[in-house]
C-alpha atoms as a PDB file:
ATOM      1  CA  UNK A   1     -71.523  70.762   3.682  1.00  0.00           C
ATOM      2  CA  UNK A   2     -68.619  69.513   1.765  1.00  0.00           C
ATOM      3  CA  UNK A   3     -64.777  69.694   2.040  1.00  0.00           C
ATOM      4  CA  UNK A   4     -65.073  71.712  -1.523  1.00  0.00           C
ATOM      5  CA  UNK A   5     -64.877  74.730  -0.392  1.00  0.00           C
ATOM      6  CA  UNK A   6     -67.850  75.313   0.279  1.00  0.00           C
ATOM      7  CA  UNK A   7     -67.876  75.928   3.986  1.00  0.00           C
ATOM      8  CA  UNK A   8     -67.158  80.178   4.522  1.00  0.00           C
ATOM      9  CA  UNK A   9     -67.064  80.081   8.299  1.00  0.00           C
ATOM     10  CA  UNK A  10     -64.753  76.897   8.709  1.00  0.00           C
ATOM     11  CA  UNK A  11     -63.089  79.194   6.159  1.00  0.00           C
ATOM     12  CA  UNK A  12     -62.888  82.298   8.235  1.00  0.00           C
ATOM     13  CA  UNK A  13     -62.063  79.720  11.348  1.00  0.00           C
ATOM     14  CA  UNK A  14     -58.703  79.068   9.649  1.00  0.00           C
ATOM     15  CA  UNK A  15     -57.747  81.867   8.659  1.00  0.00           C
ATOM     16  CA  UNK A  16     -58.062  83.403  12.287  1.00  0.00           C
ATOM     17  CA  UNK A  17     -56.974  81.254  13.629  1.00  0.00           C
ATOM     18  CA  UNK A  18     -53.444  80.576  11.130  1.00  0.00           C
ATOM     19  CA  UNK A  19     -53.148  84.638  11.169  1.00  0.00           C
ATOM     20  CA  UNK A  20     -53.584  84.743  15.136  1.00  0.00           C
ATOM     21  CA  UNK A  21     -51.957  81.109  16.562  1.00  0.00           C
ATOM     22  CA  UNK A  22     -49.548  80.795  13.579  1.00  0.00           C
ATOM     23  CA  UNK A  23     -50.267  76.990  13.911  1.00  0.00           C
ATOM     24  CA  UNK A  24     -47.987  74.039  13.247  1.00  0.00           C
ATOM     25  CA  UNK A  25     -50.833  71.886  12.925  1.00  0.00           C
ATOM     26  CA  UNK A  26     -54.252  72.544  11.824  1.00  0.00           C
ATOM     27  CA  UNK A  27     -58.002  70.886  11.323  1.00  0.00           C
ATOM     28  CA  UNK A  28     -60.620  72.034  11.183  1.00  0.00           C
ATOM     29  CA  UNK A  29     -64.066  70.246  10.917  1.00  0.00           C
ATOM     30  CA  UNK A  30     -67.814  71.289  10.207  1.00  0.00           C
ATOM     31  CA  UNK A  31     -69.751  68.785  12.407  1.00  0.00           C
ATOM     32  CA  UNK A  32     -72.946  70.868  12.449  1.00  0.00           C
ATOM     33  CA  UNK A  33     -74.394  67.281  10.697  1.00  0.00           C
ATOM     34  CA  UNK A  34     -74.437  65.414  14.121  1.00  0.00           C
ATOM     35  CA  UNK A  35     -76.297  68.227  15.806  1.00  0.00           C
ATOM     36  CA  UNK A  36     -79.462  68.444  13.525  1.00  0.00           C
ATOM     37  CA  UNK A  37     -82.669  69.653  14.922  1.00  0.00           C
ATOM     38  CA  UNK A  38     -80.983  70.258  18.351  1.00  0.00           C
ATOM     39  CA  UNK A  39     -80.296  73.950  19.779  1.00  0.00           C
ATOM     40  CA  UNK A  40     -78.213  76.361  17.709  1.00  0.00           C
ATOM     41  CA  UNK A  41     -77.801  74.130  14.637  1.00  0.00           C
ATOM     42  CA  UNK A  42     -78.819  75.715  11.296  1.00  0.00           C
ATOM     43  CA  UNK A  43     -80.156  74.506   8.157  1.00  0.00           C
ATOM     44  CA  UNK A  44     -77.266  74.154   5.730  1.00  0.00           C
ATOM     45  CA  UNK A  45     -74.825  73.372   9.005  1.00  0.00           C
ATOM     46  CA  UNK A  46     -71.911  75.619   9.231  1.00  0.00           C
ATOM     47  CA  UNK A  47     -72.528  76.505  13.339  1.00  0.00           C
ATOM     48  CA  UNK A  48     -71.166  73.265  15.141  1.00  0.00           C
ATOM     49  CA  UNK A  49     -67.089  72.620  14.375  1.00  0.00           C
ATOM     50  CA  UNK A  50     -64.097  70.587  16.054  1.00  0.00           C
ATOM     51  CA  UNK A  51     -60.500  72.363  16.101  1.00  0.00           C
ATOM     52  CA  UNK A  52     -57.784  70.161  16.767  1.00  0.00           C
ATOM     53  CA  UNK A  53     -54.723  72.964  16.664  1.00  0.00           C
ATOM     54  CA  UNK A  54     -51.115  72.972  17.844  1.00  0.00           C
ATOM     55  CA  UNK A  55     -49.384  76.014  17.633  1.00  0.00           C
ATOM     56  CA  UNK A  56     -46.366  77.314  19.584  1.00  0.00           C
ATOM     57  CA  UNK A  57     -48.226  79.769  21.292  1.00  0.00           C
ATOM     58  CA  UNK A  58     -49.928  77.686  23.164  1.00  0.00           C
ATOM     59  CA  UNK A  59     -47.331  74.883  24.195  1.00  0.00           C
ATOM     60  CA  UNK A  60     -46.857  76.977  27.789  1.00  0.00           C
ATOM     61  CA  UNK A  61     -50.197  77.653  28.625  1.00  0.00           C
ATOM     62  CA  UNK A  62     -52.911  75.853  30.704  1.00  0.00           C
ATOM     63  CA  UNK A  63     -55.539  73.840  29.204  1.00  0.00           C
ATOM     64  CA  UNK A  64     -57.929  76.560  29.886  1.00  0.00           C
ATOM     65  CA  UNK A  65     -55.543  79.081  29.163  1.00  0.00           C
ATOM     66  CA  UNK A  66     -55.309  77.901  25.724  1.00  0.00           C
ATOM     67  CA  UNK A  67     -58.865  77.387  24.871  1.00  0.00           C
ATOM     68  CA  UNK A  68     -59.587  81.039  25.952  1.00  0.00           C
ATOM     69  CA  UNK A  69     -56.234  82.098  23.548  1.00  0.00           C
ATOM     70  CA  UNK A  70     -58.362  79.850  20.719  1.00  0.00           C
ATOM     71  CA  UNK A  71     -61.914  81.394  21.131  1.00  0.00           C
ATOM     72  CA  UNK A  72     -60.564  84.505  21.583  1.00  0.00           C
ATOM     73  CA  UNK A  73     -58.887  84.732  18.512  1.00  0.00           C
ATOM     74  CA  UNK A  74     -62.717  83.585  16.863  1.00  0.00           C
ATOM     75  CA  UNK A  75     -64.253  85.694  19.441  1.00  0.00           C
ATOM     76  CA  UNK A  76     -66.721  87.326  16.453  1.00  0.00           C
ATOM     77  CA  UNK A  77     -67.597  83.947  14.678  1.00  0.00           C
ATOM     78  CA  UNK A  78     -68.689  82.644  18.438  1.00  0.00           C
ATOM     79  CA  UNK A  79     -70.670  85.714  18.690  1.00  0.00           C
ATOM     80  CA  UNK A  80     -72.242  85.399  15.219  1.00  0.00           C
ATOM     81  CA  UNK A  81     -72.336  81.925  13.320  1.00  0.00           C
ATOM     82  CA  UNK A  82     -70.543  79.390  15.005  1.00  0.00           C
ATOM     83  CA  UNK A  83     -72.902  78.259  18.038  1.00  0.00           C
ATOM     84  CA  UNK A  84     -70.494  75.735  19.724  1.00  0.00           C
ATOM     85  CA  UNK A  85     -66.871  74.746  18.927  1.00  0.00           C
ATOM     86  CA  UNK A  86     -65.200  72.132  20.367  1.00  0.00           C
ATOM     87  CA  UNK A  87     -61.195  72.567  21.169  1.00  0.00           C
ATOM     88  CA  UNK A  88     -58.757  69.961  21.170  1.00  0.00           C
ATOM     89  CA  UNK A  89     -55.013  71.226  21.818  1.00  0.00           C
ATOM     90  CA  UNK A  90     -52.477  68.963  20.418  1.00  0.00           C
ATOM     91  CA  UNK A  91     -49.359  69.263  22.658  1.00  0.00           C
ATOM     92  CA  UNK A  92     -45.882  68.393  21.151  1.00  0.00           C
END
């Protein structure tokens, strides 16, 4: 999927994380192409994502708690179009 705004799931992930966690750094990448032919992969992608996020709301949390906060922010997408979400918490 191209970076030209065609990736609506990516945009939805970015919007939810921005709205709920107010990150100072956020990078969301659709890596579905790496999983073509595997379980959960859909034609056209938008099923597997990598998120790197830095946010004050995550700063004092353990790694597990920070990941839970990210997952909670996008829970509706994880229940639907997103099959896998790899999360990296950027610590300052």
